[in-house]
Amino acid sequence: MKINELLNSFKIYTTNEEDALLEKMERMLPIEYYNEREKVVIENLIRKSLVSKVKRNNSYMVIKNERTS
């Protein structure tokens, strides 16, 4: 049995800054598109598994993961 099955609502804590950036991420974009502060926030979101980083050609693309509730 998985932990998600045991818990009714499993929420990952995000800051206001992370929420604002997640709202802004509508489609897959290169990481170079974002400024330095946003890159740091994106790296935190990758660690929380809320954003995925994919290597495409010679650059890394980032896209937010779908949230299941």
PDB file of N, CA and C in Angstrom:
ATOM      1  N   MET A   1       0.838  -1.175   0.000  1.00  0.00           N
ATOM      2  CA  MET A   1       0.000   0.000   0.000  1.00  0.00           C
ATOM      3  C   MET A   1       0.889   1.246   0.000  1.00  0.00           C
ATOM      4  N   LYS A   2       0.527   2.212  -0.817  1.00  0.00           N
ATOM      5  CA  LYS A   2       1.304   3.437  -0.926  1.00  0.00           C
ATOM      6  C   LYS A   2       0.839   4.457   0.105  1.00  0.00           C
ATOM      7  N   ILE A   3       1.742   5.352   0.462  1.00  0.00           N
ATOM      8  CA  ILE A   3       1.401   6.379   1.449  1.00  0.00           C
ATOM      9  C   ILE A   3       0.299   7.300   0.937  1.00  0.00           C
ATOM     10  N   ASN A   4       0.279   7.552  -0.367  1.00  0.00           N
ATOM     11  CA  ASN A   4      -0.773   8.397  -0.931  1.00  0.00           C
ATOM     12  C   ASN A   4      -2.155   7.778  -0.755  1.00  0.00           C
ATOM     13  N   GLU A   5      -2.213   6.465  -0.724  1.00  0.00           N
ATOM     14  CA  GLU A   5      -3.480   5.787  -0.514  1.00  0.00           C
ATOM     15  C   GLU A   5      -3.937   5.899   0.935  1.00  0.00           C
ATOM     16  N   LEU A   6      -2.980   6.014   1.854  1.00  0.00           N
ATOM     17  CA  LEU A   6      -3.312   6.120   3.267  1.00  0.00           C
ATOM     18  C   LEU A   6      -3.769   7.524   3.651  1.00  0.00           C
ATOM     19  N   LEU A   7      -3.175   8.522   3.030  1.00  0.00           N
ATOM     20  CA  LEU A   7      -3.501   9.909   3.341  1.00  0.00           C
ATOM     21  C   LEU A   7      -4.595  10.408   2.401  1.00  0.00           C
ATOM     22  N   ASN A   8      -5.579  11.082   2.959  1.00  0.00           N
ATOM     23  CA  ASN A   8      -6.668  11.613   2.134  1.00  0.00           C
ATOM     24  C   ASN A   8      -6.201  12.770   1.263  1.00  0.00           C
ATOM     25  N   SER A   9      -5.478  13.690   1.844  1.00  0.00           N
ATOM     26  CA  SER A   9      -4.984  14.817   1.054  1.00  0.00           C
ATOM     27  C   SER A   9      -3.496  15.000   1.350  1.00  0.00           C
ATOM     28  N   PHE A  10      -2.709  14.791   0.357  1.00  0.00           N
ATOM     29  CA  PHE A  10      -1.263  14.896   0.472  1.00  0.00           C
ATOM     30  C   PHE A  10      -0.836  16.180  -0.218  1.00  0.00           C
ATOM     31  N   LYS A  11      -0.362  17.153   0.546  1.00  0.00           N
ATOM     32  CA  LYS A  11       0.007  18.444  -0.013  1.00  0.00           C
ATOM     33  C   LYS A  11       1.503  18.676   0.172  1.00  0.00           C
ATOM     34  N   ILE A  12       2.112  19.249  -0.835  1.00  0.00           N
ATOM     35  CA  ILE A  12       3.527  19.615  -0.774  1.00  0.00           C
ATOM     36  C   ILE A  12       3.596  21.103  -0.492  1.00  0.00           C
ATOM     37  N   TYR A  13       4.311  21.483   0.549  1.00  0.00           N
ATOM     38  CA  TYR A  13       4.427  22.885   0.927  1.00  0.00           C
ATOM     39  C   TYR A  13       5.161  23.662  -0.165  1.00  0.00           C
ATOM     40  N   THR A  14       4.585  24.781  -0.581  1.00  0.00           N
ATOM     41  CA  THR A  14       5.239  25.682  -1.528  1.00  0.00           C
ATOM     42  C   THR A  14       5.124  27.109  -1.005  1.00  0.00           C
ATOM     43  N   THR A  15       6.138  27.900  -1.281  1.00  0.00           N
ATOM     44  CA  THR A  15       6.126  29.306  -0.889  1.00  0.00           C
ATOM     45  C   THR A  15       5.286  30.102  -1.879  1.00  0.00           C
ATOM     46  N   ASN A  16       4.987  31.338  -1.527  1.00  0.00           N
ATOM     47  CA  ASN A  16       4.261  32.216  -2.443  1.00  0.00           C
ATOM     48  C   ASN A  16       5.043  32.423  -3.733  1.00  0.00           C
ATOM     49  N   GLU A  17       6.350  32.535  -3.606  1.00  0.00           N
ATOM     50  CA  GLU A  17       7.206  32.729  -4.783  1.00  0.00           C
ATOM     51  C   GLU A  17       7.152  31.508  -5.704  1.00  0.00           C
ATOM     52  N   GLU A  18       7.181  30.322  -5.112  1.00  0.00           N
ATOM     53  CA  GLU A  18       7.084  29.096  -5.911  1.00  0.00           C
ATOM     54  C   GLU A  18       5.708  28.982  -6.577  1.00  0.00           C
ATOM     55  N   ASP A  19       4.657  29.331  -5.847  1.00  0.00           N
ATOM     56  CA  ASP A  19       3.306  29.297  -6.425  1.00  0.00           C
ATOM     57  C   ASP A  19       3.190  30.245  -7.609  1.00  0.00           C
ATOM     58  N   ALA A  20       3.747  31.455  -7.473  1.00  0.00           N
ATOM     59  CA  ALA A  20       3.676  32.436  -8.559  1.00  0.00           C
ATOM     60  C   ALA A  20       4.413  31.936  -9.793  1.00  0.00           C
ATOM     61  N   LEU A  21       5.566  31.311  -9.589  1.00  0.00           N
ATOM     62  CA  LEU A  21       6.338  30.794 -10.714  1.00  0.00           C
ATOM     63  C   LEU A  21       5.632  29.605 -11.365  1.00  0.00           C
ATOM     64  N   LEU A  22       5.017  28.740 -10.564  1.00  0.00           N
ATOM     65  CA  LEU A  22       4.267  27.614 -11.122  1.00  0.00           C
ATOM     66  C   LEU A  22       3.094  28.102 -11.970  1.00  0.00           C
ATOM     67  N   GLU A  23       2.434  29.157 -11.529  1.00  0.00           N
ATOM     68  CA  GLU A  23       1.335  29.726 -12.312  1.00  0.00           C
ATOM     69  C   GLU A  23       1.834  30.259 -13.651  1.00  0.00           C
ATOM     70  N   LYS A  24       3.046  30.790 -13.645  1.00  0.00           N
ATOM     71  CA  LYS A  24       3.635  31.384 -14.857  1.00  0.00           C
ATOM     72  C   LYS A  24       4.091  30.323 -15.859  1.00  0.00           C
ATOM     73  N   MET A  25       4.370  29.116 -15.385  1.00  0.00           N
ATOM     74  CA  MET A  25       4.888  28.051 -16.242  1.00  0.00           C
ATOM     75  C   MET A  25       3.734  27.358 -16.963  1.00  0.00           C
ATOM     76  N   GLU A  26       3.393  27.849 -18.137  1.00  0.00           N
ATOM     77  CA  GLU A  26       2.274  27.294 -18.900  1.00  0.00           C
ATOM     78  C   GLU A  26       2.719  26.205 -19.878  1.00  0.00           C
ATOM     79  N   ARG A  27       3.955  26.300 -20.347  1.00  0.00           N
ATOM     80  CA  ARG A  27       4.432  25.343 -21.355  1.00  0.00           C
ATOM     81  C   ARG A  27       5.911  25.079 -21.138  1.00  0.00           C
ATOM     82  N   MET A  28       6.452  24.134 -21.877  1.00  0.00           N
ATOM     83  CA  MET A  28       7.859  23.788 -21.764  1.00  0.00           C
ATOM     84  C   MET A  28       8.717  24.911 -22.347  1.00  0.00           C
ATOM     85  N   LEU A  29       9.650  25.402 -21.537  1.00  0.00           N
ATOM     86  CA  LEU A  29      10.550  26.474 -21.957  1.00  0.00           C
ATOM     87  C   LEU A  29      11.976  26.131 -21.558  1.00  0.00           C
ATOM     88  N   PRO A  30      12.962  26.666 -22.276  1.00  0.00           N
ATOM     89  CA  PRO A  30      14.356  26.440 -21.868  1.00  0.00           C
ATOM     90  C   PRO A  30      14.642  27.140 -20.542  1.00  0.00           C
ATOM     91  N   ILE A  31      15.494  26.545 -19.743  1.00  0.00           N
ATOM     92  CA  ILE A  31      15.835  27.108 -18.433  1.00  0.00           C
ATOM     93  C   ILE A  31      16.484  28.485 -18.588  1.00  0.00           C
ATOM     94  N   GLU A  32      17.118  28.727 -19.732  1.00  0.00           N
ATOM     95  CA  GLU A  32      17.767  30.012 -19.983  1.00  0.00           C
ATOM     96  C   GLU A  32      16.760  31.154 -20.104  1.00  0.00           C
ATOM     97  N   TYR A  33      15.507  30.832 -20.315  1.00  0.00           N
ATOM     98  CA  TYR A  33      14.444  31.832 -20.436  1.00  0.00           C
ATOM     99  C   TYR A  33      14.243  32.580 -19.114  1.00  0.00           C
ATOM    100  N   TYR A  34      14.521  31.918 -18.001  1.00  0.00           N
ATOM    101  CA  TYR A  34      14.259  32.466 -16.672  1.00  0.00           C
ATOM    102  C   TYR A  34      15.483  33.216 -16.138  1.00  0.00           C
ATOM    103  N   ASN A  35      15.222  34.201 -15.251  1.00  0.00           N
ATOM    104  CA  ASN A  35      16.328  34.932 -14.632  1.00  0.00           C
ATOM    105  C   ASN A  35      16.959  34.080 -13.530  1.00  0.00           C
ATOM    106  N   GLU A  36      18.038  34.585 -12.932  1.00  0.00           N
ATOM    107  CA  GLU A  36      18.809  33.790 -11.965  1.00  0.00           C
ATOM    108  C   GLU A  36      17.967  33.395 -10.749  1.00  0.00           C
ATOM    109  N   ARG A  37      17.183  34.315 -10.211  1.00  0.00           N
ATOM    110  CA  ARG A  37      16.362  33.996  -9.037  1.00  0.00           C
ATOM    111  C   ARG A  37      15.333  32.922  -9.378  1.00  0.00           C
ATOM    112  N   GLU A  38      14.706  33.039 -10.538  1.00  0.00           N
ATOM    113  CA  GLU A  38      13.720  32.049 -10.946  1.00  0.00           C
ATOM    114  C   GLU A  38      14.367  30.679 -11.153  1.00  0.00           C
ATOM    115  N   LYS A  39      15.611  30.654 -11.615  1.00  0.00           N
ATOM    116  CA  LYS A  39      16.315  29.373 -11.782  1.00  0.00           C
ATOM    117  C   LYS A  39      16.513  28.682 -10.442  1.00  0.00           C
ATOM    118  N   VAL A  40      16.827  29.459  -9.400  1.00  0.00           N
ATOM    119  CA  VAL A  40      17.002  28.886  -8.061  1.00  0.00           C
ATOM    120  C   VAL A  40      15.670  28.310  -7.570  1.00  0.00           C
ATOM    121  N   VAL A  41      14.596  29.054  -7.772  1.00  0.00           N
ATOM    122  CA  VAL A  41      13.272  28.578  -7.357  1.00  0.00           C
ATOM    123  C   VAL A  41      12.894  27.327  -8.143  1.00  0.00           C
ATOM    124  N   ILE A  42      13.198  27.304  -9.434  1.00  0.00           N
ATOM    125  CA  ILE A  42      12.905  26.128 -10.263  1.00  0.00           C
ATOM    126  C   ILE A  42      13.674  24.913  -9.768  1.00  0.00           C
ATOM    127  N   GLU A  43      14.930  25.093  -9.385  1.00  0.00           N
ATOM    128  CA  GLU A  43      15.710  23.967  -8.845  1.00  0.00           C
ATOM    129  C   GLU A  43      15.058  23.419  -7.573  1.00  0.00           C
ATOM    130  N   ASN A  44      14.526  24.305  -6.732  1.00  0.00           N
ATOM    131  CA  ASN A  44      13.810  23.851  -5.530  1.00  0.00           C
ATOM    132  C   ASN A  44      12.552  23.076  -5.909  1.00  0.00           C
ATOM    133  N   LEU A  45      11.835  23.541  -6.929  1.00  0.00           N
ATOM    134  CA  LEU A  45      10.629  22.849  -7.372  1.00  0.00           C
ATOM    135  C   LEU A  45      10.957  21.495  -7.990  1.00  0.00           C
ATOM    136  N   ILE A  46      12.111  21.386  -8.633  1.00  0.00           N
ATOM    137  CA  ILE A  46      12.549  20.096  -9.177  1.00  0.00           C
ATOM    138  C   ILE A  46      12.794  19.118  -8.037  1.00  0.00           C
ATOM    139  N   ARG A  47      13.426  19.589  -6.953  1.00  0.00           N
ATOM    140  CA  ARG A  47      13.668  18.728  -5.790  1.00  0.00           C
ATOM    141  C   ARG A  47      12.361  18.268  -5.143  1.00  0.00           C
ATOM    142  N   LYS A  48      11.337  19.110  -5.222  1.00  0.00           N
ATOM    143  CA  LYS A  48      10.030  18.763  -4.659  1.00  0.00           C
ATOM    144  C   LYS A  48       9.176  17.960  -5.639  1.00  0.00           C
ATOM    145  N   SER A  49       9.712  17.673  -6.813  1.00  0.00           N
ATOM    146  CA  SER A  49       9.028  16.917  -7.875  1.00  0.00           C
ATOM    147  C   SER A  49       7.786  17.633  -8.399  1.00  0.00           C
ATOM    148  N   LEU A  50       7.796  18.945  -8.378  1.00  0.00           N
ATOM    149  CA  LEU A  50       6.700  19.727  -8.936  1.00  0.00           C
ATOM    150  C   LEU A  50       7.007  20.223 -10.336  1.00  0.00           C
ATOM    151  N   VAL A  51       8.286  20.163 -10.717  1.00  0.00           N
ATOM    152  CA  VAL A  51       8.750  20.589 -12.039  1.00  0.00           C
ATOM    153  C   VAL A  51       9.701  19.525 -12.561  1.00  0.00           C
ATOM    154  N   SER A  52       9.656  19.289 -13.866  1.00  0.00           N
ATOM    155  CA  SER A  52      10.567  18.339 -14.507  1.00  0.00           C
ATOM    156  C   SER A  52      11.549  19.080 -15.394  1.00  0.00           C
ATOM    157  N   LYS A  53      12.775  18.573 -15.408  1.00  0.00           N
ATOM    158  CA  LYS A  53      13.819  19.130 -16.273  1.00  0.00           C
ATOM    159  C   LYS A  53      14.183  18.055 -17.284  1.00  0.00           C
ATOM    160  N   VAL A  54      14.081  18.419 -18.571  1.00  0.00           N
ATOM    161  CA  VAL A  54      14.306  17.467 -19.655  1.00  0.00           C
ATOM    162  C   VAL A  54      15.387  18.028 -20.572  1.00  0.00           C
ATOM    163  N   LYS A  55      16.352  17.179 -20.933  1.00  0.00           N
ATOM    164  CA  LYS A  55      17.383  17.618 -21.866  1.00  0.00           C
ATOM    165  C   LYS A  55      16.869  17.448 -23.285  1.00  0.00           C
ATOM    166  N   ARG A  56      16.874  18.531 -24.038  1.00  0.00           N
ATOM    167  CA  ARG A  56      16.443  18.511 -25.430  1.00  0.00           C
ATOM    168  C   ARG A  56      17.515  19.223 -26.243  1.00  0.00           C
ATOM    169  N   ASN A  57      18.058  18.515 -27.215  1.00  0.00           N
ATOM    170  CA  ASN A  57      19.181  19.010 -28.020  1.00  0.00           C
ATOM    171  C   ASN A  57      20.326  19.379 -27.081  1.00  0.00           C
ATOM    172  N   ASN A  58      20.737  20.638 -27.048  1.00  0.00           N
ATOM    173  CA  ASN A  58      21.859  21.036 -26.194  1.00  0.00           C
ATOM    174  C   ASN A  58      21.430  21.896 -25.024  1.00  0.00           C
ATOM    175  N   SER A  59      20.138  21.936 -24.717  1.00  0.00           N
ATOM    176  CA  SER A  59      19.677  22.752 -23.594  1.00  0.00           C
ATOM    177  C   SER A  59      18.706  21.957 -22.734  1.00  0.00           C
ATOM    178  N   TYR A  60      18.459  22.474 -21.546  1.00  0.00           N
ATOM    179  CA  TYR A  60      17.507  21.855 -20.637  1.00  0.00           C
ATOM    180  C   TYR A  60      16.196  22.618 -20.686  1.00  0.00           C
ATOM    181  N   MET A  61      15.114  21.871 -20.819  1.00  0.00           N
ATOM    182  CA  MET A  61      13.780  22.436 -20.837  1.00  0.00           C
ATOM    183  C   MET A  61      13.123  22.115 -19.499  1.00  0.00           C
ATOM    184  N   VAL A  62      12.277  23.029 -19.016  1.00  0.00           N
ATOM    185  CA  VAL A  62      11.562  22.790 -17.769  1.00  0.00           C
ATOM    186  C   VAL A  62      10.064  22.927 -18.013  1.00  0.00           C
ATOM    187  N   ILE A  63       9.305  22.093 -17.308  1.00  0.00           N
ATOM    188  CA  ILE A  63       7.841  22.131 -17.395  1.00  0.00           C
ATOM    189  C   ILE A  63       7.287  21.675 -16.049  1.00  0.00           C
ATOM    190  N   LYS A  64       6.185  22.281 -15.646  1.00  0.00           N
ATOM    191  CA  LYS A  64       5.599  21.870 -14.379  1.00  0.00           C
ATOM    192  C   LYS A  64       4.881  20.537 -14.530  1.00  0.00           C
ATOM    193  N   ASN A  65       4.904  19.758 -13.484  1.00  0.00           N
ATOM    194  CA  ASN A  65       4.212  18.478 -13.471  1.00  0.00           C
ATOM    195  C   ASN A  65       2.745  18.720 -13.142  1.00  0.00           C
ATOM    196  N   GLU A  66       1.903  17.805 -13.597  1.00  0.00           N
ATOM    197  CA  GLU A  66       0.482  17.907 -13.268  1.00  0.00           C
ATOM    198  C   GLU A  66       0.274  17.510 -11.822  1.00  0.00           C
ATOM    199  N   ARG A  67      -0.545  18.273 -11.148  1.00  0.00           N
ATOM    200  CA  ARG A  67      -0.878  17.952  -9.760  1.00  0.00           C
ATOM    201  C   ARG A  67      -2.124  17.104  -9.730  1.00  0.00           C
ATOM    202  N   THR A  68      -2.087  16.067  -8.935  1.00  0.00           N
ATOM    203  CA  THR A  68      -3.274  15.243  -8.743  1.00  0.00           C
ATOM    204  C   THR A  68      -3.820  15.533  -7.361  1.00  0.00           C
ATOM    205  N   SER A  69      -5.107  15.734  -7.266  1.00  0.00           N
ATOM    206  CA  SER A  69      -5.683  16.042  -5.941  1.00  0.00           C
ATOM    207  C   SER A  69      -6.652  14.983  -5.496  1.00  0.00           C
TER     208      SER A  69
END
